[in-house]
């Protein structure tokens, strides 16, 4: 970046025209673009949203958000990330409130579904950004290996296979789902 280039803000990102062809995130003031998600990616992401949404609504725990919802994870320079699915607790919604623009903070749970083009570095960077901003659990879903890696603050990483149960732990209390169910799509 040259000294004449200005870092973008969350408001600049919000004001970008929607060309319908690309997705955008803002990482420490720099705009990043990606292609839309592929079919498998979208199908798995929707399956996760479906399971979480039904449970969270029934229990009145908060709200579930789908792909392309922006969360402001940092300011000066601004970082706005968009997980493939997210959970924000009822308590946080009450204290922070709802907004038409990007949510001012991290979700309690962020879900990232890997695409074939995602690199290990990019994935680690996203997970670290989520956790550093206050996300309590990040699920990284790997369609190719049919696993879900659970990340929490500190060195706690757990890899779940199709035979395991995915748990909402104390973030989405009571939520449980067979990992294999999320990959066994029609």
Protein backbone atom coordinates (compact mmCIF):
# COMPACT_ATOMS: atom_id res chain seq x y z
CA UNK A 1 0.00 0.00 0.00
CA UNK A 2 1.36 3.41 -0.89
CA UNK A 3 1.18 6.33 1.50
CA UNK A 4 -1.42 8.01 -0.71
CA UNK A 5 -3.85 5.09 -0.31
CA UNK A 6 -6.32 5.49 2.51
CA UNK A 7 -7.52 2.60 4.62
CA UNK A 8 -11.21 1.82 4.21
CA UNK A 9 -13.66 2.04 7.08
CA UNK A 10 -16.71 -0.07 7.90
CA UNK A 11 -18.87 2.81 6.58
CA UNK A 12 -16.92 2.79 3.28
CA UNK A 13 -17.56 -0.94 2.97
CA UNK A 14 -21.25 -0.46 3.75
CA UNK A 15 -21.51 2.16 1.00
CA UNK A 16 -19.94 -0.02 -1.73
CA UNK A 17 -22.35 -0.78 -4.57
CA UNK A 18 -23.59 -4.38 -4.66
CA UNK A 19 -22.44 -5.88 -7.95
CA UNK A 20 -23.94 -9.28 -7.03
CA UNK A 21 -20.76 -11.05 -8.19
CA UNK A 22 -18.38 -10.73 -5.26
CA UNK A 23 -18.40 -10.86 -1.49
CA UNK A 24 -16.36 -8.38 0.50
CA UNK A 25 -14.69 -8.29 3.88
CA UNK A 26 -12.58 -5.56 5.40
CA UNK A 27 -9.40 -6.70 7.16
CA UNK A 28 -7.50 -4.02 9.04
CA UNK A 29 -8.68 -1.38 6.59
CA UNK A 30 -7.94 -3.37 3.42
CA UNK A 31 -10.76 -4.58 1.18
CA UNK A 32 -10.76 -8.31 0.39
CA UNK A 33 -12.93 -9.84 -2.29
CA UNK A 34 -14.00 -13.42 -2.82
CA UNK A 35 -16.20 -15.18 -5.32
CA UNK A 36 -19.67 -16.30 -4.19
CA UNK A 37 -19.78 -19.64 -2.39
CA UNK A 38 -20.13 -22.86 -4.34
CA UNK A 39 -23.17 -25.14 -4.17
CA UNK A 40 -21.76 -27.61 -1.61
CA UNK A 41 -20.57 -24.75 0.60
CA UNK A 42 -23.98 -23.08 0.49
CA UNK A 43 -25.84 -26.31 1.13
CA UNK A 44 -23.78 -27.18 4.23
CA UNK A 45 -23.97 -23.61 5.54
CA UNK A 46 -27.74 -23.62 5.15
CA UNK A 47 -28.00 -26.98 6.92
CA UNK A 48 -26.11 -25.57 9.91
CA UNK A 49 -28.28 -22.44 9.96
CA UNK A 50 -31.41 -24.61 9.78
CA UNK A 51 -30.41 -26.75 12.80
CA UNK A 52 -29.26 -23.78 14.87
CA UNK A 53 -32.20 -21.53 13.96
CA UNK A 54 -34.82 -24.08 14.97
CA UNK A 55 -33.13 -24.76 18.31
CA UNK A 56 -32.32 -21.12 19.17
CA UNK A 57 -35.82 -19.89 18.28
CA UNK A 58 -37.52 -22.67 20.26
CA UNK A 59 -35.42 -21.90 23.36
CA UNK A 60 -35.47 -18.09 22.94
CA UNK A 61 -31.68 -17.88 23.16
CA UNK A 62 -30.99 -15.11 20.63
CA UNK A 63 -30.70 -15.00 16.86
CA UNK A 64 -29.00 -16.94 14.07
CA UNK A 65 -27.60 -15.08 11.09
CA UNK A 66 -26.67 -16.45 7.69
CA UNK A 67 -23.81 -15.81 5.33
CA UNK A 68 -22.94 -12.25 4.34
CA UNK A 69 -23.88 -10.71 7.71
CA UNK A 70 -21.09 -8.29 8.59
CA UNK A 71 -19.63 -8.02 12.09
CA UNK A 72 -17.32 -5.14 13.04
CA UNK A 73 -14.45 -6.84 14.83
CA UNK A 74 -12.10 -3.89 15.12
CA UNK A 75 -11.74 -0.15 14.58
CA UNK A 76 -8.89 2.08 13.43
CA UNK A 77 -8.19 0.30 11.18
CA UNK A 78 -11.58 -1.34 10.74
CA UNK A 79 -12.16 -5.06 10.33
CA UNK A 80 -15.51 -6.39 9.15
CA UNK A 81 -15.85 -10.15 8.76
CA UNK A 82 -18.78 -12.24 7.49
CA UNK A 83 -19.09 -15.82 8.73
CA UNK A 84 -21.16 -18.46 6.96
CA UNK A 85 -23.40 -18.61 10.03
CA UNK A 86 -23.43 -16.85 13.38
CA UNK A 87 -25.22 -16.79 16.73
CA UNK A 88 -25.74 -13.68 18.86
CA UNK A 89 -27.22 -14.25 22.32
CA UNK A 90 -30.41 -12.60 23.52
CA UNK A 91 -28.46 -10.82 26.28
CA UNK A 92 -26.01 -9.27 23.81
CA UNK A 93 -28.85 -8.24 21.50
CA UNK A 94 -30.52 -6.49 24.43
CA UNK A 95 -27.33 -4.68 25.48
CA UNK A 96 -26.03 -3.78 22.00
CA UNK A 97 -29.30 -3.68 20.07
CA UNK A 98 -30.16 -4.47 16.47
CA UNK A 99 -28.86 -2.42 13.60
CA UNK A 100 -29.52 -2.14 9.89
CA UNK A 101 -25.79 -1.92 9.24
CA UNK A 102 -22.99 -4.23 10.38
CA UNK A 103 -23.28 -5.62 13.91
CA UNK A 104 -20.95 -3.64 16.21
CA UNK A 105 -19.04 -6.54 17.73
CA UNK A 106 -18.33 -10.21 17.35
CA UNK A 107 -20.95 -12.96 17.38
CA UNK A 108 -20.93 -15.44 20.26
CA UNK A 109 -20.53 -18.27 17.72
CA UNK A 110 -19.05 -17.97 14.21
CA UNK A 111 -19.19 -20.76 11.62
CA UNK A 112 -16.78 -20.89 8.70
CA UNK A 113 -17.41 -23.45 5.93
CA UNK A 114 -14.20 -24.05 4.01
CA UNK A 115 -14.17 -23.53 0.25
CA UNK A 116 -11.69 -25.34 -2.01
CA UNK A 117 -9.83 -22.04 -2.51
CA UNK A 118 -9.41 -21.28 1.24
CA UNK A 119 -5.81 -21.48 2.43
CA UNK A 120 -4.67 -22.59 5.88
CA UNK A 121 -3.32 -19.07 6.48
CA UNK A 122 -6.62 -17.39 5.55
CA UNK A 123 -8.60 -19.77 7.74
CA UNK A 124 -6.28 -19.30 10.74
CA UNK A 125 -6.42 -15.54 10.26
CA UNK A 126 -10.23 -15.59 10.32
CA UNK A 127 -10.37 -17.83 13.38
CA UNK A 128 -7.86 -15.60 15.19
CA UNK A 129 -9.82 -12.45 14.24
CA UNK A 130 -13.07 -13.96 15.56
CA UNK A 131 -11.54 -15.10 18.86
CA UNK A 132 -9.55 -11.88 19.42
CA UNK A 133 -12.76 -9.85 18.97
CA UNK A 134 -14.64 -11.89 21.59
CA UNK A 135 -16.29 -14.74 19.70
CA UNK A 136 -16.56 -17.57 22.22
CA UNK A 137 -16.57 -20.52 19.78
CA UNK A 138 -15.63 -20.83 16.10
CA UNK A 139 -16.65 -23.92 14.13
CA UNK A 140 -14.57 -24.53 11.00
CA UNK A 141 -16.45 -26.95 8.76
CA UNK A 142 -14.35 -28.96 6.31
CA UNK A 143 -16.62 -30.52 3.63
CA UNK A 144 -13.77 -32.47 2.02
CA UNK A 145 -12.69 -34.20 5.23
CA UNK A 146 -16.23 -34.13 6.66
CA UNK A 147 -14.98 -32.71 9.96
CA UNK A 148 -15.71 -29.73 12.18
CA UNK A 149 -12.86 -28.14 14.11
CA UNK A 150 -13.97 -26.35 17.28
CA UNK A 151 -11.83 -23.36 18.30
CA UNK A 152 -12.05 -21.49 21.60
CA UNK A 153 -9.82 -18.95 23.34
CA UNK A 154 -6.47 -20.47 24.21
CA UNK A 155 -4.96 -23.59 22.74
CA UNK A 156 -8.22 -25.57 22.92
CA UNK A 157 -8.88 -27.15 19.52
CA UNK A 158 -11.11 -30.16 19.02
CA UNK A 159 -11.61 -31.97 15.69
CA UNK A 160 -14.97 -33.72 15.36
CA UNK A 161 -15.66 -36.44 12.80
CA UNK A 162 -18.97 -37.68 11.37
CA UNK A 163 -19.32 -40.07 14.31
CA UNK A 164 -19.18 -37.24 16.89
CA UNK A 165 -21.76 -34.88 18.37
CA UNK A 166 -21.40 -31.15 17.79
CA UNK A 167 -22.28 -29.22 20.95
CA UNK A 168 -23.20 -25.61 21.54
CA UNK A 169 -21.52 -25.96 24.94
CA UNK A 170 -22.27 -22.96 27.18
CA UNK A 171 -22.58 -20.61 24.18
CA UNK A 172 -25.72 -22.21 22.71
CA UNK A 173 -26.69 -24.25 25.80
CA UNK A 174 -28.42 -27.53 25.06
CA UNK A 175 -27.71 -27.53 21.33
CA UNK A 176 -26.38 -30.83 19.98
CA UNK A 177 -26.30 -32.29 16.50
CA UNK A 178 -24.62 -35.30 14.92
CA UNK A 179 -21.76 -34.04 12.76
CA UNK A 180 -22.63 -36.64 10.11
CA UNK A 181 -26.13 -35.19 9.82
CA UNK A 182 -24.70 -31.89 8.59
CA UNK A 183 -22.90 -33.67 5.73
CA UNK A 184 -25.59 -36.17 4.74
CA UNK A 185 -27.44 -33.98 2.28
CA UNK A 186 -29.83 -35.10 -0.44
